[in-house]
Amino acid sequence: MGPTQPVQGYGQQPSPPSQPQPGPYGYGYGQPQQPYPVGPATGGPGGPAGRHPSGRRRTALVAAVVAGVLVVGGGVWFAVSGGDDGRKPVAHGSADAEQPTASQPASPPAEAEVVDTAAPVDGLNAARKPGEAKVLWMRDNGIDVPRNGADAYGPWLTGDIVAKGMYRSVSGYSVADGTRKWTLKLPADLCAAPTLPTTDGKIVVGLKESASSDSVCSVLQMIDLRTGTAGWKKTVERKGVQDLLSDVAMSIGGDLVTFGRASASVGYRVSDGKEVFGKRQGVCQPFAFTSGPRLIAATSCRTDADEQDKQQVEEIDPATGTPKWTYRVKTGWRVQQVYSTSPPVISLKKGDGEGGAWAIVTLRDNGTYRSQMIGGKNENYAATCDADLVVSGRNLDGCAGVAADDDTFYLATKPVTVGSALTNKVVAFDLNTGKAKWRAAAPAGQIMQPLRMNGRNVIVRVEGTYRKSGAVASLAPTGGAPTMLLRHPASATKAESSFDMARLVYAGGRSILVSARVSAIDDKEEKKVKTVMVFGP
């Protein structure tokens, strides 16, 4: 076991934050409508630390547990190659665990199975002003989703493909022009997925065991995002009330995919589905991991006899699933999110709701304590995570609003009203001391969120509103006014503001906006909901 050091002094009580994700692109979440919704993660043992489900899923799961019935899903996948015209589907039969799926010709799917449609952008671009980016492409949902809506997963980038998953399909598009390259139909609802794919473009998603609304999230399906081909598939055994009611967290690091929940986690090789690790011996069980080149795990050591949370943070070897080092969190505190993996920056929470205490701790690369940052009484911080949205994802790294390099941590403040609009700041913290170095104001009437680092500069998202278009900008390591990198056109403000709870990825000079959830008042309106919008030079 690596070196550990408990942190003293947890317990100050600022307004609890939401929490962001570490990744090569950076996710920016936002709801362009005013007022800007900011709130803490759900209280109690739920959220990332407890992995308990939201109320809307708990009822269905309890019914399934009481009935004592777990139905394993099978069925047929349809992979559609080519663009939006002249689609030639290929059927992929269900595969046994750890076996690749063979491709066979099949009849075209019914028209109702078409996933989405291209939305016109020429009118938006014709009205754009000098210095503004183009709307490269948009997609409308085009599919009837369940009555309460459906979560969207991704975006995942690999080569010239951007992919997303929603409801019972995963689709890949040309990032340059939005041509749909493939669609993979799934036999049941998507219910979990990592934030990042492997470096060679593979993802493993979680599916429900059947199309029934009562079924449990336990089926893993590997997908090659470059081609839309389904690979191995297997079912994770879930038993006991605590396991069946637990939220699922997934991650990918190297050739390892993890499937985490409160009672235990398992890891498999992405390449062939072989198990790397299962439930550990002893009481300490990891329940969530980060994606990317460095796997950081949140682990619970609490037993039924314990009155307070006992958790720790670990770096995991993706080849074996064993810890490289362990950092013990002070008793009573929970690991909420990992803001950065290199350097490790961890969000911790104690208590529930608005009265809960919150702290940010940064560690050295060997897992020893480095410094502590806590929101003060005069500065209310906020970042946005999947756990704070309506979506069901509870990944450890599913957040936006932070970034870090070797010596500085960047965090957004909670929006405040100035005049008739909301605005905020980005604060830079010294990782060696935990003290704030400077604050940079967002453009007037807009919200600014850190996305990721670009060398020594921090890339930020400037969120659009009903009145102003969004943008991607850069902040210097010394602060000051943001420098615009990609300004979305004012002519697209209405379309941009229609995105509800949207994620934003900035890569290759393009700004990719993807809805985190799709819902509407009726089926007709659901199909009109815009799910992807891409801006570029």
Protein backbone atom coordinates (compact mmCIF):
# COMPACT_ATOMS: atom_id res chain seq x y z
CA MET A 1 0.00 0.00 0.00
CA GLY A 2 1.31 3.41 -0.95
CA PRO A 3 1.84 6.35 1.39
CA THR A 4 -1.21 7.99 2.90
CA GLN A 5 -1.91 11.11 4.90
CA PRO A 6 -5.21 12.17 6.39
CA VAL A 7 -6.22 15.76 5.79
CA GLN A 8 -6.99 17.90 8.78
CA GLY A 9 -9.45 20.75 8.76
CA TYR A 10 -12.30 19.43 6.61
CA GLY A 11 -15.59 20.85 7.68
CA GLN A 12 -15.96 24.44 6.50
CA GLN A 13 -19.32 24.94 4.90
CA PRO A 14 -19.49 26.95 1.68
CA SER A 15 -22.32 26.55 -0.77
CA PRO A 16 -21.82 22.97 -1.95
CA PRO A 17 -20.49 22.73 -5.53
CA SER A 18 -21.18 20.42 -8.36
CA GLN A 19 -18.21 18.62 -9.82
CA PRO A 20 -16.43 18.37 -13.23
CA GLN A 21 -14.50 15.87 -15.35
CA PRO A 22 -10.83 15.37 -16.22
CA GLY A 23 -10.31 14.53 -19.88
CA PRO A 24 -8.38 15.47 -23.01
CA TYR A 25 -11.21 17.50 -24.51
CA GLY A 26 -13.07 18.84 -21.51
CA TYR A 27 -16.81 18.68 -21.11
CA GLY A 28 -18.69 21.93 -20.70
CA TYR A 29 -22.20 21.46 -19.39
CA GLY A 30 -24.76 24.16 -19.40
CA GLN A 31 -28.33 25.18 -19.81
CA PRO A 32 -28.31 28.34 -21.92
CA GLN A 33 -31.71 29.40 -20.65
CA GLN A 34 -31.93 31.90 -17.80
CA PRO A 35 -31.90 31.51 -14.90
CA TYR A 36 -28.82 29.31 -14.79
CA PRO A 37 -29.56 26.15 -12.78
CA VAL A 38 -26.89 25.39 -10.21
CA GLY A 39 -27.36 22.99 -7.33
CA PRO A 40 -25.55 20.51 -5.18
CA ALA A 41 -25.45 16.81 -5.84
CA THR A 42 -28.29 14.85 -4.36
CA GLY A 43 -28.02 14.35 -0.62
CA GLY A 44 -27.80 11.25 1.48
CA PRO A 45 -25.64 8.35 0.45
CA GLY A 46 -26.72 8.86 -3.15
CA GLY A 47 -24.71 10.54 -5.87
CA PRO A 48 -21.23 9.33 -6.68
CA ALA A 49 -20.31 8.34 -3.14
CA GLY A 50 -23.27 6.13 -2.33
CA ARG A 51 -24.18 5.01 -5.84
CA HIS A 52 -27.84 4.85 -4.92
CA PRO A 53 -30.28 5.41 -7.76
CA SER A 54 -32.54 8.38 -8.25
CA GLY A 55 -36.13 8.08 -7.10
CA ARG A 56 -37.48 7.70 -10.60
CA ARG A 57 -35.53 4.47 -11.05
CA ARG A 58 -35.72 3.18 -7.48
CA THR A 59 -39.44 2.33 -7.73
CA ALA A 60 -38.96 0.21 -10.84
CA LEU A 61 -35.93 -1.54 -9.40
CA VAL A 62 -37.67 -2.32 -6.11
CA ALA A 63 -40.50 -3.87 -8.09
CA ALA A 64 -38.00 -6.04 -9.96
CA VAL A 65 -36.33 -7.14 -6.71
CA VAL A 66 -39.66 -8.02 -5.11
CA ALA A 67 -40.71 -10.00 -8.15
CA GLY A 68 -37.38 -11.84 -8.04
CA VAL A 69 -37.16 -11.87 -11.83
CA LEU A 70 -34.08 -10.87 -13.85
CA VAL A 71 -34.50 -11.26 -17.60
CA VAL A 72 -31.37 -11.46 -19.74
CA GLY A 73 -31.74 -9.55 -23.00
CA GLY A 74 -30.83 -10.95 -26.41
CA GLY A 75 -31.92 -9.77 -29.82
CA VAL A 76 -30.40 -8.38 -32.97
CA TRP A 77 -28.30 -5.25 -33.61
CA PHE A 78 -28.47 -3.36 -36.91
CA ALA A 79 -25.36 -1.47 -37.99
CA VAL A 80 -26.08 1.01 -40.75
CA SER A 81 -23.07 1.93 -42.85
CA GLY A 82 -22.75 4.90 -45.17
CA GLY A 83 -24.38 8.32 -44.97
CA ASP A 84 -27.97 9.41 -44.62
CA ASP A 85 -28.90 8.21 -48.09
CA GLY A 86 -28.77 4.67 -49.45
CA ARG A 87 -28.23 3.05 -46.08
CA LYS A 88 -27.30 -0.63 -46.18
CA PRO A 89 -27.89 -2.25 -42.81
CA VAL A 90 -25.88 -5.14 -41.47
CA ALA A 91 -27.24 -7.33 -38.69
CA HIS A 92 -25.09 -8.39 -35.75
CA GLY A 93 -26.40 -11.35 -33.76
CA SER A 94 -26.07 -11.48 -29.98
CA ALA A 95 -22.74 -12.84 -28.83
CA ASP A 96 -21.93 -15.03 -25.87
CA ALA A 97 -19.71 -13.56 -23.17
CA GLU A 98 -16.17 -12.83 -24.33
CA GLN A 99 -16.95 -13.73 -27.95
CA PRO A 100 -16.87 -11.24 -30.87
CA THR A 101 -20.06 -10.77 -32.86
CA ALA A 102 -20.15 -11.91 -36.48
CA SER A 103 -21.58 -9.64 -39.19
CA GLN A 104 -24.32 -10.95 -41.51
CA PRO A 105 -26.54 -9.25 -44.12
CA ALA A 106 -30.11 -8.46 -43.10
CA SER A 107 -33.20 -6.66 -44.27
CA PRO A 108 -33.33 -2.86 -43.82
CA PRO A 109 -34.86 -1.71 -40.52
CA ALA A 110 -38.29 -0.14 -40.50
CA GLU A 111 -38.43 3.61 -41.12
CA ALA A 112 -39.43 4.12 -37.48
CA GLU A 113 -35.99 2.82 -36.49
CA VAL A 114 -34.12 5.67 -38.21
CA VAL A 115 -32.36 7.42 -35.36
CA ASP A 116 -32.13 11.07 -36.34
CA THR A 117 -32.14 13.53 -39.22
CA ALA A 118 -29.94 16.35 -40.47
CA ALA A 119 -31.18 19.86 -39.66
CA PRO A 120 -30.68 22.75 -42.13
CA VAL A 121 -27.89 25.25 -41.35
CA ASP A 122 -27.61 27.35 -44.54
CA GLY A 123 -29.97 30.03 -43.26
CA LEU A 124 -28.02 30.40 -40.01
CA ASN A 125 -24.73 30.76 -41.83
CA ALA A 126 -26.07 33.22 -44.40
CA ALA A 127 -26.81 35.69 -41.59
CA ARG A 128 -23.54 35.32 -39.69
CA LYS A 129 -21.28 38.32 -39.11
CA PRO A 130 -17.56 38.77 -39.79
CA GLY A 131 -15.42 37.01 -37.20
CA GLU A 132 -18.14 34.52 -36.27
CA ALA A 133 -17.80 30.77 -36.72
CA LYS A 134 -20.00 28.70 -39.01
CA VAL A 135 -22.61 26.20 -37.94
CA LEU A 136 -21.04 23.17 -39.55
CA TRP A 137 -23.99 20.83 -38.95
CA MET A 138 -26.92 19.96 -36.69
CA ARG A 139 -28.98 16.85 -36.00
CA ASP A 140 -32.61 16.58 -34.89
CA ASN A 141 -33.56 13.73 -32.56
CA GLY A 142 -36.08 12.16 -34.94
CA ILE A 143 -36.94 9.23 -32.67
CA ASP A 144 -39.77 8.52 -30.25
CA VAL A 145 -38.23 8.23 -26.79
CA PRO A 146 -39.98 7.06 -23.58
CA ARG A 147 -42.54 9.30 -21.92
CA ASN A 148 -40.07 10.69 -19.37
CA GLY A 149 -37.32 11.23 -21.93
CA ALA A 150 -34.00 9.49 -22.49
CA ASP A 151 -30.41 10.19 -21.43
CA ALA A 152 -27.74 10.83 -24.04
CA TYR A 153 -24.18 9.50 -23.71
CA GLY A 154 -21.00 10.92 -25.20
CA PRO A 155 -19.86 12.64 -27.28
CA TRP A 156 -16.96 10.28 -28.00
CA LEU A 157 -14.31 11.35 -30.50
CA THR A 158 -12.09 9.01 -32.48
CA GLY A 159 -10.34 10.02 -35.68
CA ASP A 160 -12.84 11.84 -37.91
CA ILE A 161 -15.84 10.34 -36.08
CA VAL A 162 -17.90 11.84 -33.28
CA ALA A 163 -20.29 9.33 -31.72
CA LYS A 164 -23.14 9.52 -29.24
CA GLY A 165 -25.57 7.08 -27.70
CA MET A 166 -29.21 7.51 -26.71
CA TYR A 167 -32.08 5.23 -25.79
CA ARG A 168 -31.48 2.08 -27.87
CA SER A 169 -28.84 3.08 -30.37
CA VAL A 170 -25.33 4.46 -30.82
CA SER A 171 -24.48 6.54 -33.91
CA GLY A 172 -21.29 7.84 -35.47
CA TYR A 173 -21.02 10.99 -37.60
CA SER A 174 -18.39 12.71 -39.69
CA VAL A 175 -17.15 15.45 -37.38
CA ALA A 176 -16.53 17.68 -40.43
CA ASP A 177 -19.98 17.67 -42.05
CA GLY A 178 -22.30 15.58 -39.86
CA THR A 179 -22.87 12.75 -42.33
CA ARG A 180 -24.09 9.76 -40.40
CA LYS A 181 -21.52 7.03 -40.96
CA TRP A 182 -23.26 4.28 -39.03
CA THR A 183 -25.97 3.47 -36.51
CA LEU A 184 -25.92 0.48 -34.18
CA LYS A 185 -29.35 -0.55 -32.92
CA LEU A 186 -29.47 -2.02 -29.42
CA PRO A 187 -31.99 -4.48 -27.90
CA ALA A 188 -32.54 -2.48 -24.69
CA ASP A 189 -32.00 0.94 -23.13
CA LEU A 190 -28.55 2.40 -22.68
CA CYS A 191 -28.05 2.84 -18.94
CA ALA A 192 -24.34 3.65 -18.41
CA ALA A 193 -21.19 4.52 -20.35
CA PRO A 194 -17.66 5.86 -19.79
CA THR A 195 -16.88 9.49 -20.54
CA LEU A 196 -14.01 8.54 -22.88
CA PRO A 197 -13.31 5.72 -25.37
CA THR A 198 -10.01 3.87 -25.72
CA THR A 199 -7.24 5.52 -27.73
CA ASP A 200 -8.03 3.20 -30.66
CA GLY A 201 -11.72 4.18 -30.67
CA LYS A 202 -13.52 1.46 -28.73
CA ILE A 203 -16.25 2.01 -26.14
CA VAL A 204 -18.09 -0.37 -23.82
CA VAL A 205 -21.62 0.70 -22.90
CA GLY A 206 -24.03 -0.57 -20.27
CA LEU A 207 -27.47 -1.84 -21.31
CA LYS A 208 -30.50 -2.97 -19.40
CA GLU A 209 -31.08 -6.73 -19.36
CA SER A 210 -34.24 -6.42 -21.41
CA ALA A 211 -36.57 -3.88 -22.97
CA SER A 212 -38.71 -3.91 -19.82
CA SER A 213 -38.70 -0.70 -17.80
CA ASP A 214 -38.10 -2.80 -14.66
CA SER A 215 -34.92 -4.45 -15.92
CA VAL A 216 -31.53 -3.89 -14.31
CA CYS A 217 -28.44 -2.26 -15.85
CA SER A 218 -26.05 -5.21 -16.14
CA VAL A 219 -25.23 -5.99 -19.80
CA LEU A 220 -21.93 -4.81 -21.30
CA GLN A 221 -21.57 -4.27 -25.05
CA MET A 222 -18.29 -3.36 -26.72
CA ILE A 223 -18.53 -1.15 -29.83
CA ASP A 224 -15.86 -0.09 -32.33
CA LEU A 225 -16.66 3.60 -32.85
CA ARG A 226 -14.68 3.77 -36.08
CA THR A 227 -17.01 1.31 -37.86
CA GLY A 228 -20.08 0.91 -35.65
CA THR A 229 -19.37 -2.80 -35.28
CA ALA A 230 -20.59 -4.62 -32.16
CA GLY A 231 -17.95 -6.73 -30.43
CA TRP A 232 -18.11 -8.86 -27.30
CA LYS A 233 -21.08 -8.80 -24.98
CA LYS A 234 -21.56 -10.15 -21.46
CA THR A 235 -23.80 -9.84 -18.42
CA VAL A 236 -22.47 -8.75 -15.03
CA GLU A 237 -23.99 -10.72 -12.18
CA ARG A 238 -25.85 -8.38 -9.83
CA LYS A 239 -27.47 -9.84 -6.73
CA GLY A 240 -28.73 -8.57 -3.43
CA VAL A 241 -30.91 -5.53 -2.80
CA GLN A 242 -27.98 -3.12 -2.29
CA ASP A 243 -26.38 -4.14 -5.58
CA LEU A 244 -29.60 -4.03 -7.56
CA LEU A 245 -30.49 -0.56 -6.22
CA SER A 246 -27.03 0.89 -6.76
CA ASP A 247 -26.19 3.40 -9.47
CA VAL A 248 -23.65 2.24 -12.04
CA ALA A 249 -20.42 4.09 -12.83
CA MET A 250 -18.26 3.14 -15.83
CA SER A 251 -14.78 4.13 -16.97
CA ILE A 252 -12.13 3.22 -19.53
CA GLY A 253 -8.37 3.43 -18.93
CA GLY A 254 -5.89 1.77 -21.25
CA ASP A 255 -7.40 -1.60 -22.19
CA LEU A 256 -9.55 -1.74 -19.04
CA VAL A 257 -13.26 -1.00 -18.70
CA THR A 258 -14.74 -0.86 -15.20
CA PHE A 259 -18.32 -1.45 -14.07
CA GLY A 260 -18.66 0.04 -10.60
CA ARG A 261 -21.42 0.07 -8.01
CA ALA A 262 -21.75 0.34 -4.25
CA SER A 263 -21.20 -3.29 -3.29
CA ALA A 264 -18.39 -4.19 -5.71
CA SER A 265 -16.73 -3.33 -9.01
CA VAL A 266 -15.46 -5.49 -11.84
CA GLY A 267 -12.98 -4.78 -14.63
CA TYR A 268 -12.64 -6.32 -18.09
CA ARG A 269 -10.23 -5.99 -20.98
CA VAL A 270 -11.81 -3.82 -23.66
CA SER A 271 -10.06 -5.75 -26.41
CA ASP A 272 -11.54 -9.18 -25.66
CA GLY A 273 -13.86 -8.96 -22.63
CA LYS A 274 -11.67 -11.09 -20.36
CA GLU A 275 -12.08 -10.32 -16.65
CA VAL A 276 -9.15 -8.44 -15.10
CA PHE A 277 -10.49 -8.16 -11.56
CA GLY A 278 -13.62 -8.86 -9.54
CA LYS A 279 -14.81 -8.18 -6.02
CA ARG A 280 -11.93 -7.64 -3.60
CA GLN A 281 -11.25 -9.51 -0.44
CA GLY A 282 -12.07 -7.48 2.69
CA VAL A 283 -14.39 -4.58 3.33
CA CYS A 284 -12.75 -1.96 1.06
CA GLN A 285 -14.47 -1.99 -2.34
CA PRO A 286 -13.98 0.57 -5.15
CA PHE A 287 -17.28 1.93 -6.46
CA ALA A 288 -16.17 4.28 -9.26
CA PHE A 289 -13.14 5.09 -11.42
CA THR A 290 -12.01 7.87 -13.76
CA SER A 291 -11.44 7.40 -17.48
CA GLY A 292 -8.27 8.29 -19.35
CA PRO A 293 -4.56 7.54 -19.02
CA ARG A 294 -4.66 7.54 -15.22
CA LEU A 295 -7.28 5.53 -13.31
CA ILE A 296 -8.23 7.09 -9.98
CA ALA A 297 -10.72 5.10 -7.89
CA ALA A 298 -13.09 6.03 -5.06
CA THR A 299 -13.27 3.21 -2.52
CA SER A 300 -15.63 2.60 0.39
CA CYS A 301 -14.50 0.74 3.52
CA ARG A 302 -17.69 1.21 5.50
CA THR A 303 -19.33 -1.79 7.15
CA ASP A 304 -22.85 -2.21 8.51
CA ALA A 305 -21.48 -1.50 11.99
CA ASP A 306 -19.94 1.85 11.01
CA GLU A 307 -21.90 4.99 11.78
CA GLN A 308 -19.83 7.23 9.47
CA ASP A 309 -18.44 6.95 5.96
CA LYS A 310 -14.95 5.48 5.62
CA GLN A 311 -13.59 6.09 2.16
CA GLN A 312 -10.29 6.35 0.35
CA VAL A 313 -8.82 7.38 -3.00
CA GLU A 314 -6.59 5.01 -4.99
CA GLU A 315 -4.63 5.00 -8.22
CA ILE A 316 -5.30 1.73 -10.03
CA ASP A 317 -2.99 -0.25 -12.30
CA PRO A 318 -5.19 -0.89 -15.39
CA ALA A 319 -3.32 -4.11 -16.19
CA THR A 320 -4.13 -5.76 -12.84
CA GLY A 321 -6.77 -3.67 -11.08
CA THR A 322 -4.55 -3.36 -7.99
CA PRO A 323 -3.83 -0.05 -6.18
CA LYS A 324 -0.53 1.74 -6.80
CA TRP A 325 -1.17 4.01 -3.80
CA THR A 326 -3.96 4.76 -1.34
CA TYR A 327 -5.02 8.03 0.28
CA ARG A 328 -7.37 7.68 3.26
CA VAL A 329 -10.12 10.27 3.48
CA LYS A 330 -11.00 11.58 6.93
CA THR A 331 -13.82 9.59 8.56
CA GLY A 332 -17.27 10.94 7.76
CA TRP A 333 -16.24 12.42 4.41
CA ARG A 334 -17.21 11.03 0.99
CA VAL A 335 -15.46 11.16 -2.37
CA GLN A 336 -17.80 13.10 -4.65
CA GLN A 337 -15.83 13.63 -7.87
CA VAL A 338 -12.30 13.66 -9.26
CA TYR A 339 -11.66 17.08 -10.80
CA SER A 340 -8.27 16.17 -12.24
CA THR A 341 -6.25 12.97 -12.43
CA SER A 342 -2.86 14.55 -13.13
CA PRO A 343 -2.36 16.14 -10.67
CA PRO A 344 -5.02 14.38 -8.56
CA VAL A 345 -7.62 16.93 -7.40
CA ILE A 346 -10.46 15.43 -5.37
CA SER A 347 -13.84 16.86 -4.31
CA LEU A 348 -14.99 15.67 -0.87
CA LYS A 349 -18.36 16.08 0.84
CA LYS A 350 -19.63 15.65 4.39
CA GLY A 351 -23.29 15.78 5.30
CA ASP A 352 -26.24 16.25 2.99
CA GLY A 353 -27.94 19.04 1.09
CA GLU A 354 -27.19 22.74 1.40
CA GLY A 355 -25.88 22.31 4.94
CA GLY A 356 -23.23 19.79 3.93
CA ALA A 357 -19.55 20.65 4.18
CA TRP A 358 -17.29 20.56 1.13
CA ALA A 359 -13.55 20.49 0.54
CA ILE A 360 -11.18 20.15 -2.40
CA VAL A 361 -7.94 18.25 -1.79
CA THR A 362 -4.99 17.94 -4.15
CA LEU A 363 -2.48 15.10 -3.89
CA ARG A 364 1.05 14.51 -5.10
CA ASP A 365 1.64 11.90 -7.78
CA ASN A 366 2.46 9.31 -5.10
CA GLY A 367 -0.88 9.84 -3.34
CA THR A 368 0.34 11.93 -0.42
CA TYR A 369 -1.42 15.10 0.68
CA ARG A 370 -0.35 18.33 -1.05
CA SER A 371 -2.86 21.06 -0.21
CA GLN A 372 -6.50 21.80 0.52
CA MET A 373 -8.89 24.30 -1.07
CA ILE A 374 -12.25 25.04 0.51
CA GLY A 375 -14.92 27.41 -0.76
CA GLY A 376 -15.01 30.41 1.53
CA LYS A 377 -17.93 32.46 2.82
CA ASN A 378 -17.36 35.24 0.30
CA GLU A 379 -16.98 33.08 -2.82
CA ASN A 380 -19.59 30.54 -3.87
CA TYR A 381 -18.19 28.05 -6.33
CA ALA A 382 -20.10 25.92 -8.81
CA ALA A 383 -19.33 23.36 -11.45
CA THR A 384 -21.75 21.02 -13.20
CA CYS A 385 -21.78 17.22 -13.17
CA ASP A 386 -23.98 14.47 -14.52
CA ALA A 387 -24.90 13.82 -10.89
CA ASP A 388 -26.44 17.31 -10.70
CA LEU A 389 -28.52 16.90 -13.83
CA VAL A 390 -31.60 14.81 -14.50
CA VAL A 391 -29.48 12.23 -16.33
CA SER A 392 -28.77 8.92 -14.63
CA GLY A 393 -25.00 8.89 -15.13
CA ARG A 394 -22.93 8.94 -11.95
CA ASN A 395 -19.40 8.68 -13.29
CA LEU A 396 -16.57 9.87 -11.07
CA ASP A 397 -15.28 12.15 -13.82
CA GLY A 398 -18.58 13.24 -15.40
CA CYS A 399 -18.21 16.97 -14.70
CA ALA A 400 -17.31 20.35 -16.16
CA GLY A 401 -16.25 23.71 -14.74
CA VAL A 402 -12.69 22.86 -13.65
CA ALA A 403 -9.21 22.39 -15.10
CA ALA A 404 -5.74 21.91 -13.67
CA ASP A 405 -2.08 21.90 -14.65
CA ASP A 406 0.97 21.06 -12.54
CA ASP A 407 0.66 24.07 -10.22
CA THR A 408 -2.74 25.72 -10.75
CA PHE A 409 -6.35 24.64 -10.33
CA TYR A 410 -9.16 26.55 -12.09
CA LEU A 411 -12.73 26.63 -10.76
CA ALA A 412 -15.86 28.51 -11.84
CA THR A 413 -17.85 30.58 -9.36
CA LYS A 414 -21.59 30.37 -8.95
CA PRO A 415 -23.41 32.85 -11.22
CA VAL A 416 -24.73 36.07 -9.71
CA THR A 417 -27.16 38.61 -11.13
CA VAL A 418 -25.62 41.80 -12.47
CA GLY A 419 -28.23 44.12 -13.91
CA SER A 420 -30.75 41.85 -15.58
CA ALA A 421 -28.39 38.99 -16.47
CA LEU A 422 -26.26 36.36 -14.79
CA THR A 423 -22.48 36.30 -14.88
CA ASN A 424 -19.59 34.70 -13.00
CA LYS A 425 -15.79 34.37 -12.70
CA VAL A 426 -13.06 31.77 -13.02
CA VAL A 427 -10.72 31.53 -10.02
CA ALA A 428 -7.13 30.23 -10.19
CA PHE A 429 -5.76 28.44 -7.08
CA ASP A 430 -2.14 27.72 -6.22
CA LEU A 431 -1.95 23.94 -5.79
CA ASN A 432 1.01 24.20 -3.40
CA THR A 433 -0.79 26.48 -0.94
CA GLY A 434 -4.49 26.10 -1.76
CA LYS A 435 -4.87 29.88 -1.92
CA ALA A 436 -6.55 31.85 -4.71
CA LYS A 437 -4.13 33.63 -7.07
CA TRP A 438 -6.51 35.62 -9.27
CA ARG A 439 -10.08 35.89 -10.57
CA ALA A 440 -11.10 36.47 -14.19
CA ALA A 441 -14.55 37.85 -15.03
CA ALA A 442 -16.74 36.30 -17.73
CA PRO A 443 -18.00 38.51 -20.57
CA ALA A 444 -20.88 40.71 -19.40
CA GLY A 445 -24.17 38.86 -19.12
CA GLN A 446 -22.67 35.40 -19.67
CA ILE A 447 -21.35 32.41 -17.72
CA MET A 448 -17.79 31.09 -18.15
CA GLN A 449 -16.64 27.54 -17.32
CA PRO A 450 -13.16 26.00 -17.55
CA LEU A 451 -13.02 23.06 -19.97
CA ARG A 452 -9.41 21.87 -20.14
CA MET A 453 -5.81 23.01 -20.40
CA ASN A 454 -4.03 23.97 -23.62
CA GLY A 455 -0.41 24.20 -22.60
CA ARG A 456 -0.28 26.88 -19.89
CA ASN A 457 -3.55 28.48 -20.99
CA VAL A 458 -6.97 27.27 -19.82
CA ILE A 459 -9.73 26.73 -22.40
CA VAL A 460 -13.11 28.02 -21.22
CA ARG A 461 -16.65 27.78 -22.47
CA VAL A 462 -18.66 30.99 -22.62
CA GLU A 463 -22.25 29.81 -22.42
CA GLY A 464 -24.88 31.09 -24.78
CA THR A 465 -28.13 32.64 -23.56
CA TYR A 466 -31.41 33.58 -25.23
CA ARG A 467 -29.85 36.93 -26.09
CA LYS A 468 -26.19 36.11 -26.73
CA SER A 469 -24.45 33.33 -28.61
CA GLY A 470 -21.86 31.16 -26.90
CA ALA A 471 -18.13 30.90 -27.55
CA VAL A 472 -14.92 29.07 -26.70
CA ALA A 473 -12.16 31.25 -25.29
CA SER A 474 -8.76 31.06 -23.59
CA LEU A 475 -7.42 32.48 -20.32
CA ALA A 476 -3.72 33.21 -19.85
CA PRO A 477 -1.94 31.72 -16.79
CA THR A 478 -1.90 35.26 -15.36
CA GLY A 479 -5.66 35.79 -15.78
CA GLY A 480 -7.21 38.85 -17.39
CA ALA A 481 -9.93 39.03 -20.02
CA PRO A 482 -10.66 35.89 -22.05
CA THR A 483 -9.33 35.70 -25.61
CA MET A 484 -11.97 34.44 -28.04
CA LEU A 485 -11.01 31.32 -29.99
CA LEU A 486 -14.35 30.46 -31.61
CA ARG A 487 -17.34 32.77 -31.41
CA HIS A 488 -20.65 31.10 -32.22
CA PRO A 489 -22.77 33.10 -34.69
CA ALA A 490 -25.47 35.38 -33.32
CA SER A 491 -27.80 34.08 -36.04
CA ALA A 492 -27.74 30.66 -34.33
CA THR A 493 -28.56 31.95 -30.83
CA LYS A 494 -32.12 30.58 -30.85
CA ALA A 495 -30.99 27.13 -32.00
CA GLU A 496 -28.10 27.07 -29.52
CA SER A 497 -30.31 28.11 -26.61
CA SER A 498 -32.71 25.25 -27.37
CA PHE A 499 -30.13 22.74 -26.10
CA ASP A 500 -31.18 21.60 -22.66
CA MET A 501 -28.45 20.46 -20.25
CA ALA A 502 -25.89 20.38 -23.05
CA ARG A 503 -22.33 19.08 -22.97
CA LEU A 504 -19.68 20.91 -24.98
CA VAL A 505 -16.42 19.47 -26.28
CA TYR A 506 -13.77 21.63 -27.96
CA ALA A 507 -11.38 19.67 -30.18
CA GLY A 508 -9.70 20.21 -33.54
CA GLY A 509 -10.82 23.84 -33.61
CA ARG A 510 -14.48 22.78 -33.45
CA SER A 511 -17.06 23.33 -30.74
CA ILE A 512 -19.33 20.28 -30.39
CA LEU A 513 -22.56 20.78 -28.45
CA VAL A 514 -24.52 17.64 -27.48
CA SER A 515 -27.72 17.37 -25.45
CA ALA A 516 -27.37 15.39 -22.23
CA ARG A 517 -31.04 14.42 -22.26
CA VAL A 518 -33.94 14.47 -24.71
CA SER A 519 -37.53 15.03 -23.63
CA ALA A 520 -40.53 17.04 -24.82
CA ILE A 521 -44.26 17.45 -24.24
CA ASP A 522 -45.27 14.94 -26.95
CA ASP A 523 -43.83 12.59 -29.57
CA LYS A 524 -43.94 15.20 -32.33
CA GLU A 525 -41.91 17.70 -30.32
CA GLU A 526 -39.45 14.99 -29.20
CA LYS A 527 -38.49 14.34 -32.78
CA LYS A 528 -37.76 18.05 -33.35
CA VAL A 529 -35.36 18.32 -30.40
CA LYS A 530 -31.85 19.18 -31.57
CA THR A 531 -29.29 16.74 -30.21
CA VAL A 532 -25.98 17.82 -31.83
CA MET A 533 -24.75 21.21 -33.04
CA VAL A 534 -21.19 21.72 -34.30
CA PHE A 535 -19.43 25.05 -34.88
CA GLY A 536 -16.16 25.61 -36.70
CA PRO A 537 -14.11 28.11 -38.70
